[in-house]
């Protein structure tokens, strides 16, 4: 289970078609879901995308 802050961001992201407010308003976010190798448990975390400079 994600920490309470991340869970609020995840819930808002899913409820608003990928849009969130607060400190992330206007930012590009994605939800990264991974599966534990041994436990098989799924973990979802919000990630902020940034422009990659070359």
C-alpha atoms as a PDB file:
ATOM      1  CA  UNK A   1       0.000   0.000   0.000  1.00  0.00           C
ATOM      2  CA  UNK A   2       1.440   3.393  -0.951  1.00  0.00           C
ATOM      3  CA  UNK A   3       1.962   6.008   1.723  1.00  0.00           C
ATOM      4  CA  UNK A   4      -1.052   8.310   2.309  1.00  0.00           C
ATOM      5  CA  UNK A   5       0.373  11.197   0.214  1.00  0.00           C
ATOM      6  CA  UNK A   6       1.064   8.973  -2.801  1.00  0.00           C
ATOM      7  CA  UNK A   7      -2.326   7.290  -2.449  1.00  0.00           C
ATOM      8  CA  UNK A   8      -4.097  10.677  -2.646  1.00  0.00           C
ATOM      9  CA  UNK A   9      -2.130  11.564  -5.805  1.00  0.00           C
ATOM     10  CA  UNK A  10      -2.916   8.153  -7.362  1.00  0.00           C
ATOM     11  CA  UNK A  11      -6.629   8.460  -6.536  1.00  0.00           C
ATOM     12  CA  UNK A  12      -6.817  12.003  -7.944  1.00  0.00           C
ATOM     13  CA  UNK A  13      -4.906  10.967 -11.092  1.00  0.00           C
ATOM     14  CA  UNK A  14      -7.296   8.088 -11.764  1.00  0.00           C
ATOM     15  CA  UNK A  15     -10.437  10.097 -10.967  1.00  0.00           C
ATOM     16  CA  UNK A  16      -9.520  13.024 -13.243  1.00  0.00           C
ATOM     17  CA  UNK A  17      -8.230  11.323 -16.399  1.00  0.00           C
ATOM     18  CA  UNK A  18      -4.581  11.853 -15.510  1.00  0.00           C
ATOM     19  CA  UNK A  19      -4.859  15.422 -14.222  1.00  0.00           C
ATOM     20  CA  UNK A  20      -3.849  16.399 -10.691  1.00  0.00           C
ATOM     21  CA  UNK A  21      -3.734  19.678  -8.805  1.00  0.00           C
ATOM     22  CA  UNK A  22      -1.752  20.999  -5.883  1.00  0.00           C
ATOM     23  CA  UNK A  23       2.007  21.015  -6.224  1.00  0.00           C
ATOM     24  CA  UNK A  24       1.780  18.810  -9.338  1.00  0.00           C
ATOM     25  CA  UNK A  25      -0.673  21.015 -11.250  1.00  0.00           C
ATOM     26  CA  UNK A  26       0.525  21.429 -14.827  1.00  0.00           C
ATOM     27  CA  UNK A  27       3.187  18.730 -14.437  1.00  0.00           C
ATOM     28  CA  UNK A  28       3.382  15.581 -16.489  1.00  0.00           C
ATOM     29  CA  UNK A  29       2.831  12.541 -14.277  1.00  0.00           C
ATOM     30  CA  UNK A  30       2.644   8.819 -14.824  1.00  0.00           C
ATOM     31  CA  UNK A  31       1.711   5.950 -12.559  1.00  0.00           C
ATOM     32  CA  UNK A  32       4.453   3.340 -12.484  1.00  0.00           C
ATOM     33  CA  UNK A  33       3.264  -0.131 -11.457  1.00  0.00           C
ATOM     34  CA  UNK A  34       5.839  -2.797 -10.666  1.00  0.00           C
ATOM     35  CA  UNK A  35       5.490  -6.382  -9.457  1.00  0.00           C
ATOM     36  CA  UNK A  36       7.712  -7.777  -6.709  1.00  0.00           C
ATOM     37  CA  UNK A  37       9.931 -10.604  -7.942  1.00  0.00           C
ATOM     38  CA  UNK A  38       9.436 -12.786  -4.873  1.00  0.00           C
ATOM     39  CA  UNK A  39       6.175 -11.576  -3.401  1.00  0.00           C
ATOM     40  CA  UNK A  40       4.303 -10.966  -6.642  1.00  0.00           C
ATOM     41  CA  UNK A  41       2.751  -7.926  -4.962  1.00  0.00           C
ATOM     42  CA  UNK A  42       1.928  -4.991  -7.222  1.00  0.00           C
ATOM     43  CA  UNK A  43       3.189  -1.537  -6.227  1.00  0.00           C
ATOM     44  CA  UNK A  44       2.023   1.699  -7.876  1.00  0.00           C
ATOM     45  CA  UNK A  45       3.884   4.991  -7.480  1.00  0.00           C
ATOM     46  CA  UNK A  46       3.352   8.373  -9.117  1.00  0.00           C
ATOM     47  CA  UNK A  47       6.340   9.703 -11.058  1.00  0.00           C
ATOM     48  CA  UNK A  48       6.897  13.178 -12.425  1.00  0.00           C
ATOM     49  CA  UNK A  49       8.258  13.317 -15.957  1.00  0.00           C
ATOM     50  CA  UNK A  50      10.981  15.763 -16.832  1.00  0.00           C
ATOM     51  CA  UNK A  51      12.448  16.822 -20.154  1.00  0.00           C
ATOM     52  CA  UNK A  52      15.630  15.034 -21.011  1.00  0.00           C
ATOM     53  CA  UNK A  53      18.367  17.323 -22.210  1.00  0.00           C
ATOM     54  CA  UNK A  54      21.041  16.209 -24.632  1.00  0.00           C
END
